[in-house]
Protein backbone atom coordinates (compact mmCIF):
# COMPACT_ATOMS: atom_id res chain seq x y z
CA MET A 1 87.45 0.53 -12.64
CA ARG A 2 87.06 2.48 -9.40
CA THR A 3 85.98 5.60 -11.33
CA LEU A 4 83.39 3.62 -13.27
CA ARG A 5 81.97 2.20 -10.03
CA MET A 6 81.80 5.71 -8.50
CA VAL A 7 80.00 7.10 -11.57
CA CYS A 8 77.50 4.21 -11.55
CA THR A 9 76.90 4.60 -7.81
CA ALA A 10 76.47 8.36 -8.15
CA GLY A 11 74.11 7.89 -11.09
CA MET A 12 72.01 5.36 -9.16
CA SER A 13 71.92 7.70 -6.16
CA VAL A 14 70.73 10.63 -8.27
CA ALA A 15 68.07 8.47 -9.96
CA LEU A 16 66.84 7.23 -6.57
CA LEU A 17 66.68 10.76 -5.15
CA LEU A 18 64.76 12.01 -8.20
CA ALA A 19 62.31 9.15 -7.93
CA LEU A 20 61.70 9.89 -4.26
CA ALA A 21 61.36 13.62 -4.86
CA ALA A 22 58.91 13.27 -7.77
CA PRO A 23 55.27 13.78 -6.78
CA ALA A 24 53.24 10.60 -6.67
CA THR A 25 50.76 10.31 -9.51
CA ALA A 26 47.18 9.34 -8.86
CA GLN A 27 46.06 6.01 -10.23
CA GLU A 28 43.53 5.99 -13.04
CA ALA A 29 39.91 5.76 -11.93
CA GLU A 30 38.24 2.40 -12.61
CA ALA A 31 34.76 2.51 -14.21
CA VAL A 32 32.53 -0.41 -13.23
CA SER A 33 29.18 -1.25 -14.83
CA MET A 34 26.65 -2.39 -12.28
CA GLU A 35 23.58 -4.38 -13.27
CA GLY A 36 21.48 -7.08 -11.67
CA THR A 37 18.47 -7.98 -9.56
CA LEU A 38 18.45 -8.20 -5.79
CA VAL A 39 15.58 -9.98 -4.02
CA GLY A 40 14.49 -10.07 -0.40
CA ALA A 41 11.97 -8.57 1.97
CA HIS A 42 10.66 -5.21 3.22
CA TRP A 43 8.84 -4.13 6.37
CA PRO A 44 8.28 -1.20 8.72
CA ASP A 45 11.30 -0.96 11.01
CA VAL A 46 9.80 -0.35 14.45
CA ALA A 47 13.22 -0.67 16.12
CA ALA A 48 14.76 2.16 14.06
CA PRO A 49 15.04 5.68 15.42
CA ALA A 50 12.02 7.86 14.79
CA CYS A 51 12.09 9.87 11.59
CA GLY A 52 11.35 13.16 13.28
CA LEU A 53 9.08 14.35 10.48
CA PRO A 54 5.51 15.49 11.07
CA ASP A 55 2.96 12.89 9.98
CA THR A 56 5.62 10.26 9.23
CA THR A 57 4.00 6.87 9.06
CA TRP A 58 7.09 4.71 9.57
CA ARG A 59 10.77 4.15 8.91
CA PHE A 60 10.94 1.41 6.35
CA LYS A 61 13.62 -1.24 5.86
CA ILE A 62 14.47 -3.34 2.80
CA VAL A 63 17.00 -6.20 2.95
CA VAL A 64 17.86 -7.83 -0.39
CA SER A 65 20.68 -9.89 -1.84
CA GLY A 66 21.90 -11.22 -5.17
CA GLN A 67 24.55 -10.53 -7.78
CA LEU A 68 25.41 -7.23 -9.41
CA SER A 69 27.82 -7.23 -12.35
CA GLY A 70 31.09 -5.60 -11.39
CA LEU A 71 30.44 -6.19 -7.69
CA GLY A 72 29.65 -9.91 -7.40
CA ASP A 73 27.55 -11.20 -4.50
CA VAL A 74 25.92 -8.29 -2.68
CA GLU A 75 23.64 -7.75 0.28
CA ALA A 76 21.81 -4.43 0.42
CA TYR A 77 20.21 -2.72 3.39
CA THR A 78 17.87 0.15 2.55
CA THR A 79 16.11 2.45 4.95
CA HIS A 80 13.90 5.49 4.52
CA CYS A 81 11.17 7.40 6.29
CA THR A 82 7.78 6.92 4.68
CA LEU A 83 5.01 9.50 4.63
CA PHE A 84 1.77 7.85 3.54
CA ASP A 85 -1.89 8.78 3.75
CA ALA A 86 -3.83 5.75 2.52
CA GLU A 87 -7.07 7.72 2.26
CA SER A 88 -5.59 10.29 -0.16
CA GLY A 89 -4.94 7.73 -2.88
CA GLU A 90 -1.51 9.28 -3.43
CA PRO A 91 1.63 7.11 -3.37
CA PRO A 92 3.97 7.38 -0.38
CA THR A 93 6.71 9.98 -0.17
CA TYR A 94 10.16 8.97 1.13
CA TYR A 95 12.74 10.90 3.17
CA ASP A 96 16.18 10.09 4.63
CA ARG A 97 16.78 7.61 1.80
CA MET A 98 19.98 5.54 2.13
CA THR A 99 21.13 2.16 0.86
CA THR A 100 24.29 0.31 1.90
CA LEU A 101 25.59 -2.36 -0.48
CA THR A 102 27.99 -4.87 1.11
CA THR A 103 30.08 -7.23 -1.03
CA ALA A 104 31.19 -10.74 -0.08
CA GLU A 105 34.64 -9.24 0.70
CA GLY A 106 33.07 -6.88 3.28
CA ASP A 107 33.50 -3.63 1.31
CA THR A 108 30.51 -1.30 1.56
CA MET A 109 29.16 1.32 -0.83
CA ALA A 110 26.81 4.06 0.34
CA VAL A 111 24.02 4.95 -2.06
CA VAL A 112 21.42 7.72 -1.79
CA HIS A 113 18.29 6.54 -3.53
CA ASP A 114 15.25 8.27 -4.94
CA PHE A 115 12.79 5.60 -6.03
CA PRO A 116 9.26 6.84 -5.63
CA THR A 117 6.33 4.49 -5.65
CA THR A 118 4.91 4.61 -9.15
CA GLU A 119 1.91 2.35 -8.70
CA MET A 120 -0.07 0.89 -5.78
CA PHE A 121 -2.07 -2.33 -6.11
CA VAL A 122 -5.31 -2.84 -4.16
CA ASP A 123 -7.49 -5.93 -3.79
CA ASP A 124 -11.31 -5.99 -4.09
CA ASP A 125 -11.65 -5.14 -0.40
CA GLY A 126 -9.49 -2.02 -0.68
CA ASN A 127 -6.41 -3.55 0.98
CA PHE A 128 -3.00 -2.66 -0.43
CA THR A 129 -1.40 -5.74 -1.96
CA GLY A 130 1.71 -4.39 -3.66
CA PHE A 131 3.53 -1.55 -5.36
CA THR A 132 6.18 -0.69 -7.92
CA LEU A 133 9.16 1.66 -7.58
CA ASP A 134 11.01 3.46 -10.35
CA GLY A 135 13.84 5.88 -9.74
CA THR A 136 17.52 6.64 -9.44
CA TRP A 137 20.48 6.06 -7.14
CA GLU A 138 23.79 7.85 -6.55
CA ALA A 139 26.93 6.29 -5.05
CA VAL A 140 28.49 8.58 -2.42
CA GLY A 141 31.53 6.66 -1.16
CA GLY A 142 32.01 3.75 1.18
CA THR A 143 34.72 1.56 2.63
CA GLY A 144 37.51 -0.56 1.16
CA ARG A 145 37.26 -0.73 -2.61
CA PHE A 146 34.41 1.82 -2.54
CA MET A 147 36.15 4.46 -0.40
CA HIS A 148 35.96 6.99 -3.25
CA ALA A 149 33.07 5.48 -5.23
CA ALA A 150 30.91 7.83 -7.27
CA GLY A 151 28.30 7.16 -9.91
CA THR A 152 24.64 6.99 -10.74
CA GLY A 153 22.07 4.63 -12.11
CA THR A 154 18.46 3.61 -12.24
CA LEU A 155 16.42 1.29 -10.11
CA PHE A 156 13.12 -0.46 -10.70
CA GLY A 157 11.36 -2.52 -8.08
CA ALA A 158 8.22 -4.50 -7.44
CA ALA A 159 6.92 -5.68 -4.10
CA ASP A 160 3.94 -7.32 -2.54
CA ILE A 161 2.38 -6.57 0.84
CA PRO A 162 3.40 -8.12 3.07
CA GLY A 163 6.96 -8.60 2.40
CA ASP A 164 8.69 -9.75 -0.81
CA ILE A 165 10.59 -7.31 -3.03
CA ALA A 166 12.82 -7.40 -6.12
CA LEU A 167 15.04 -4.45 -7.11
CA ASP A 168 16.68 -4.15 -10.55
CA PHE A 169 19.83 -2.00 -10.50
CA THR A 170 21.60 -0.57 -13.56
CA GLY A 171 24.30 2.08 -13.77
CA GLU A 172 27.98 2.79 -13.54
CA ILE A 173 30.30 3.65 -10.68
CA THR A 174 33.80 5.03 -10.72
CA LEU A 175 36.28 3.73 -8.19
CA ALA A 176 38.55 6.76 -8.06
CA ALA A 177 41.99 6.36 -6.57
CA PRO A 178 42.77 8.67 -3.65
CA GLU A 179 44.91 11.71 -4.28
CA PRO A 180 48.45 11.39 -2.93
CA PRO A 181 49.11 13.25 0.32
CA ALA A 182 50.43 16.79 0.00
CA GLU A 183 54.06 17.29 0.82
């Protein structure tokens, strides 16, 4: 009986040592579809740091919220520098484009966006009354669940001047598991 106990103990010890010595395997990446409409407001952000670009009109801010599939309730904060010459008739150009999506759990995902203005609306007096946006976004990481987020998608938006905006997001992100530390 004592020999059997020693063999079992030795076998368990070897199995435990092998398990500890084996390299950790990375978890499978989770693909998440993301789709939905976020609504809110937009305005020039006079409190933001200057853009530092010649002829920059303003740094612009968009704050929207809603539900995105795969993420749940989300609030998004978008900022970019806007270069706009109203007399040229050309749509604005955007620089330093970044969006931060924050979930109800407090996790954040950083997104670089490229959604140029595709159409400007003008009233009979020549005043700008609205615009549409149509472009792409790319997830570049974040915090919590989105620490290693990557992915791309499209974005369409419509806004009036002043203030209201709706942004339609579609795409897919991958929530990659971190690599195990090197030994």
